[in-house]
Protein backbone atom coordinates (compact mmCIF):
# COMPACT_ATOMS: atom_id res chain seq x y z
CA MET A 1 58.43 42.41 103.29
CA THR A 2 60.52 41.36 106.59
CA CYS A 3 62.94 39.15 105.42
CA ALA A 4 62.99 35.26 106.28
CA GLY A 5 66.46 34.54 106.62
CA CYS A 6 67.18 36.92 109.81
CA GLN A 7 62.80 37.41 110.43
CA GLY A 8 63.49 41.31 110.27
CA SER A 9 66.77 41.40 112.45
CA GLY A 10 68.90 42.01 109.87
CA MET A 11 71.36 40.25 111.10
CA LYS A 12 72.06 36.17 111.74
CA ILE A 13 73.47 34.15 114.22
CA SER A 14 76.14 31.02 113.23
CA MET A 15 77.58 28.17 115.37
CA ARG A 16 81.30 26.87 114.92
CA HIS A 17 82.82 24.01 116.73
CA LEU A 18 86.31 24.79 117.71
CA GLY A 19 87.20 21.38 120.03
CA ALA A 20 85.38 19.17 122.23
CA ASN A 21 82.72 21.01 123.98
CA MET A 22 83.88 24.23 122.74
CA ILE A 23 80.94 26.55 120.27
CA GLN A 24 81.52 29.92 119.33
CA GLN A 25 79.03 31.88 118.96
CA MET A 26 79.23 34.75 115.85
CA GLN A 27 76.99 37.74 114.35
CA HIS A 28 77.07 38.79 110.83
CA PRO A 29 74.50 40.93 108.79
CA CYS A 30 72.34 38.55 106.68
CA ASN A 31 73.76 38.27 103.11
CA GLU A 32 69.88 37.45 101.51
CA CYS A 33 68.54 41.33 102.55
CA LYS A 34 71.74 42.45 103.34
CA GLY A 35 70.93 43.81 106.85
CA THR A 36 68.03 45.85 106.31
CA GLY A 37 65.94 42.69 107.73
CA GLU A 38 63.32 43.86 104.90
CA THR A 39 63.42 42.09 101.31
CA ILE A 40 61.40 42.69 97.89
CA SER A 41 60.59 40.09 95.12
CA ASP A 42 62.29 41.24 91.48
CA LYS A 43 58.88 41.95 90.18
CA ASP A 44 58.21 44.41 92.59
CA ARG A 45 61.23 46.11 92.44
CA CYS A 46 61.81 49.81 91.38
CA PRO A 47 64.02 50.22 87.91
CA GLN A 48 65.08 53.67 89.04
CA CYS A 49 66.59 52.72 92.17
CA LYS A 50 66.79 49.18 91.97
CA GLY A 51 65.08 48.39 95.24
CA GLU A 52 67.77 50.63 97.28
CA LYS A 53 65.22 52.84 98.17
CA VAL A 54 67.16 56.19 97.29
CA VAL A 55 68.35 57.45 94.20
CA GLN A 56 72.10 59.65 93.42
CA GLN A 57 70.44 62.94 92.11
CA LYS A 58 72.73 66.07 91.29
CA LYS A 59 70.99 69.17 92.41
CA VAL A 60 71.72 73.31 92.06
CA LEU A 61 71.71 75.12 95.19
CA GLU A 62 72.03 78.98 95.04
CA VAL A 63 73.77 81.02 98.07
CA HIS A 64 72.83 84.17 98.79
CA VAL A 65 75.40 86.32 100.36
CA GLU A 66 73.80 89.21 102.49
CA LYS A 67 75.49 92.79 102.43
CA GLY A 68 77.39 92.63 105.99
CA MET A 69 77.36 88.94 106.90
CA GLN A 70 80.90 88.04 108.84
CA ASN A 71 83.76 85.78 107.83
CA GLY A 72 82.84 81.88 109.78
CA GLN A 73 78.64 83.11 109.45
CA LYS A 74 76.60 80.04 108.24
CA ILE A 75 74.24 79.62 105.92
CA THR A 76 71.77 76.73 105.85
CA PHE A 77 69.61 74.18 103.57
CA PRO A 78 66.95 72.67 105.76
CA GLY A 79 66.75 69.09 104.65
CA GLU A 80 68.68 69.26 101.72
CA ALA A 81 71.55 66.79 103.00
CA ASP A 82 71.61 62.96 101.93
CA GLU A 83 68.45 60.93 102.21
CA ALA A 84 68.23 57.52 103.91
CA PRO A 85 65.46 54.80 104.71
CA ASP A 86 63.57 55.31 108.16
CA THR A 87 66.56 58.39 108.84
CA VAL A 88 65.83 62.29 109.50
CA THR A 89 67.27 63.90 106.58
CA GLY A 90 70.13 66.25 107.64
CA ASP A 91 70.71 70.18 106.50
CA ILE A 92 73.27 71.31 104.34
CA VAL A 93 75.40 74.38 105.86
CA PHE A 94 77.31 76.45 103.70
CA VAL A 95 80.21 78.60 106.52
CA LEU A 96 81.62 81.71 104.60
CA GLN A 97 84.97 82.45 104.19
CA GLN A 98 86.02 85.77 103.67
CA LYS A 99 88.81 86.58 101.52
CA GLU A 100 91.93 88.95 103.42
CA HIS A 101 91.49 92.50 101.10
CA PRO A 102 95.45 93.87 100.12
CA LYS A 103 94.25 97.31 101.38
CA PHE A 104 91.67 97.81 103.48
CA LYS A 105 91.10 95.43 106.74
CA ARG A 106 87.68 94.11 108.02
CA LYS A 107 86.81 94.36 111.97
CA GLY A 108 83.00 93.32 112.49
CA GLU A 109 81.38 96.82 110.71
CA ASP A 110 84.43 99.23 110.54
CA LEU A 111 87.05 99.03 107.81
CA PHE A 112 90.55 100.04 108.31
CA VAL A 113 92.92 101.73 106.03
CA GLU A 114 97.31 102.56 106.34
CA HIS A 115 98.13 105.88 104.64
CA THR A 116 101.59 107.25 104.39
CA LEU A 117 101.92 110.50 104.74
CA SER A 118 105.89 112.75 104.29
CA LEU A 119 106.63 115.26 107.00
CA THR A 120 105.34 117.99 104.99
CA GLU A 121 101.48 117.06 104.14
CA ALA A 122 101.63 115.89 108.43
CA LEU A 123 102.56 119.84 109.41
CA CYS A 124 101.27 121.69 106.43
CA GLY A 125 98.33 119.95 105.27
CA PHE A 126 97.37 116.63 103.12
CA GLN A 127 94.90 115.85 100.41
CA PHE A 128 94.00 112.45 98.58
CA ALA A 129 91.44 110.40 96.29
CA PRO A 130 91.45 106.84 97.80
CA THR A 131 89.42 104.14 95.76
CA HIS A 132 86.42 102.38 97.73
CA LEU A 133 85.81 98.61 97.47
CA ASP A 134 82.68 99.72 95.69
CA SER A 135 84.80 101.82 92.85
CA ARG A 136 83.78 105.42 94.67
CA GLN A 137 86.51 107.98 95.01
CA LEU A 138 87.06 108.99 98.28
CA LEU A 139 88.24 112.74 98.92
CA ILE A 140 90.36 113.17 101.89
CA LYS A 141 91.53 115.88 103.32
CA SER A 142 92.79 117.76 106.29
CA ASN A 143 91.59 121.10 107.83
CA PRO A 144 93.16 124.26 107.41
CA GLY A 145 96.26 124.36 110.27
CA GLU A 146 95.53 120.96 111.43
CA VAL A 147 98.60 119.21 112.39
CA VAL A 148 98.88 115.15 111.98
CA LYS A 149 100.85 113.01 114.83
CA PRO A 150 103.01 109.95 113.72
CA ASP A 151 100.24 106.45 114.40
CA SER A 152 96.99 108.46 114.82
CA TYR A 153 93.86 107.24 113.70
CA LYS A 154 90.81 109.65 112.02
CA ALA A 155 87.39 108.14 111.38
CA ILE A 156 84.80 108.98 108.41
CA ASN A 157 81.94 107.80 109.47
CA ASP A 158 79.14 105.36 106.82
CA GLU A 159 82.01 104.54 104.43
CA GLY A 160 82.72 101.15 106.56
CA MET A 161 81.20 97.89 106.07
CA PRO A 162 76.87 97.68 105.57
CA MET A 163 75.64 96.09 108.57
CA TYR A 164 74.11 92.54 108.27
CA GLN A 165 70.21 93.23 107.39
CA ARG A 166 70.49 96.53 107.65
CA PRO A 167 72.14 97.48 104.22
CA PHE A 168 71.53 100.60 104.45
CA MET A 169 73.08 101.71 107.80
CA LYS A 170 77.38 101.14 107.28
CA GLY A 171 80.48 101.57 109.90
CA LYS A 172 83.19 103.76 109.66
CA LEU A 173 86.43 103.91 108.24
CA TYR A 174 89.32 104.36 110.39
CA ILE A 175 92.73 106.17 108.44
CA HIS A 176 95.62 105.11 109.98
CA PHE A 177 98.30 107.39 109.34
CA THR A 178 102.44 107.22 109.54
CA VAL A 179 104.89 109.75 108.66
CA VAL A 180 108.14 109.59 107.12
CA PHE A 181 110.60 111.80 108.39
CA PRO A 182 113.17 113.16 105.91
CA GLU A 183 116.92 111.16 106.39
CA SER A 184 118.31 115.08 107.41
CA LEU A 185 118.64 118.15 106.97
CA THR A 186 121.05 120.31 105.56
CA LEU A 187 122.11 123.37 108.49
CA ASP A 188 120.04 126.20 106.00
CA GLN A 189 117.01 123.53 106.68
CA VAL A 190 117.08 123.14 110.20
CA LYS A 191 117.90 127.59 110.77
CA ALA A 192 115.01 127.83 108.29
CA LEU A 193 112.73 125.27 110.71
CA GLU A 194 113.72 126.80 113.78
CA THR A 195 113.03 129.98 112.69
CA ILE A 196 108.94 128.81 111.86
CA LEU A 197 108.89 126.32 114.41
CA PRO A 198 108.43 126.62 118.77
CA ALA A 199 111.15 127.45 120.23
CA ARG A 200 113.53 124.45 121.65
CA PRO A 201 113.01 124.17 125.21
CA VAL A 202 116.35 126.20 127.33
CA SER A 203 118.81 123.90 128.61
CA GLN A 204 118.52 124.07 132.74
CA LEU A 205 122.46 123.32 133.11
CA THR A 206 124.53 125.61 132.94
CA ASP A 207 127.87 125.92 130.86
CA MET A 208 130.53 124.89 133.68
CA GLU A 209 127.43 122.21 134.49
CA LEU A 210 127.67 120.88 130.82
CA ASP A 211 131.85 121.20 130.42
CA GLU A 212 131.51 118.31 133.22
CA CYS A 213 129.13 116.45 131.66
CA GLU A 214 130.39 113.16 129.38
CA GLU A 215 129.88 113.91 125.82
CA THR A 216 128.27 110.49 124.11
CA THR A 217 127.49 109.39 120.71
CA LEU A 218 124.14 108.15 119.47
CA HIS A 219 124.47 105.15 116.92
CA ASP A 220 121.42 103.57 114.79
CA VAL A 221 120.05 100.38 115.87
CA ASN A 222 117.30 97.99 115.10
CA ILE A 223 115.53 97.23 118.22
CA GLU A 224 114.24 93.82 116.49
CA GLU A 225 117.42 92.53 115.66
CA GLU A 226 118.92 93.22 118.89
CA THR A 227 116.46 91.60 121.10
CA ARG A 228 116.97 88.92 118.71
CA ARG A 229 121.03 88.60 118.81
CA ARG A 230 120.19 89.33 122.73
CA GLN A 231 117.82 86.02 123.56
CA GLN A 232 119.74 83.92 120.75
CA ALA A 233 123.02 84.33 123.06
CA GLN A 234 121.08 83.96 126.44
CA GLN A 235 120.21 80.37 124.67
CA GLU A 236 123.56 79.19 123.67
CA ALA A 237 124.93 80.29 127.11
CA TYR A 238 122.03 78.61 129.03
CA ASP A 239 122.81 75.48 126.81
CA GLU A 240 126.64 75.68 127.42
CA ASP A 241 125.71 75.42 131.48
CA ASP A 242 124.00 72.40 130.98
CA GLU A 243 126.46 70.61 128.98
CA MET A 244 129.35 71.94 131.55
CA PRO A 245 131.11 68.92 133.66
CA GLY A 246 130.72 69.07 137.39
CA GLY A 247 127.61 71.27 137.68
CA ALA A 248 125.24 71.22 140.84
CA GLN A 249 123.97 67.77 141.49
CA ARG A 250 120.33 67.16 142.23
CA VAL A 251 119.39 66.32 145.71
CA GLN A 252 118.39 63.19 146.10
CA CYS A 253 115.96 61.79 149.56
CA ALA A 254 117.44 59.97 151.93
CA GLN A 255 115.80 56.35 152.37
CA GLN A 256 115.10 54.43 155.49
């Protein structure tokens, strides 16, 4: 029934005298109906919910992740959120978060994998059998006489991820090849390679011109470390310029 204390509004208004001709009006939830605007007698009160209209309940929801679902995709259970009187019940939404794989990288419907070849394999041919995500072993080999260049990609059709709601269709499996070169070669190995590999380009300089050239020495560098050190030195020089006295002063606008 409608609460008699607040006439169904759920709020009560009280007056407080602060002084002569001063009254403070305050609004607060009704203590008889706890702000609901309704009351129920003890004899009619539900023993299960104690008159609160809702009860706590545990429920098991089974989330089915279909093949090909993407990272961040949502699975919605309509009307399964917390219920409350006189309100529309919301949904429970599960958001998929894809874990990183130590070997395969996913980009949409395609898979990417890294593979390192020796120089001999890159020039003379290779063969290896990686284990796929579904535990199948794939035999991957080069064609006779094929040369694999460093930082090149090759693709295998229908070995990527299954497409969402089209489970019998799959993307591609891309293999990124890295070629490891030997650290050095002996003179005999160099001569043997020169007899097999294409001839080196002939120098366009004459012997006299070569004698006039200044000979240089190459040395190994870590370009990332060199760039980082150069940026740090520039920042330190910039900071020293800011701290030095007698620097250029900012020009102030003249006032009339």
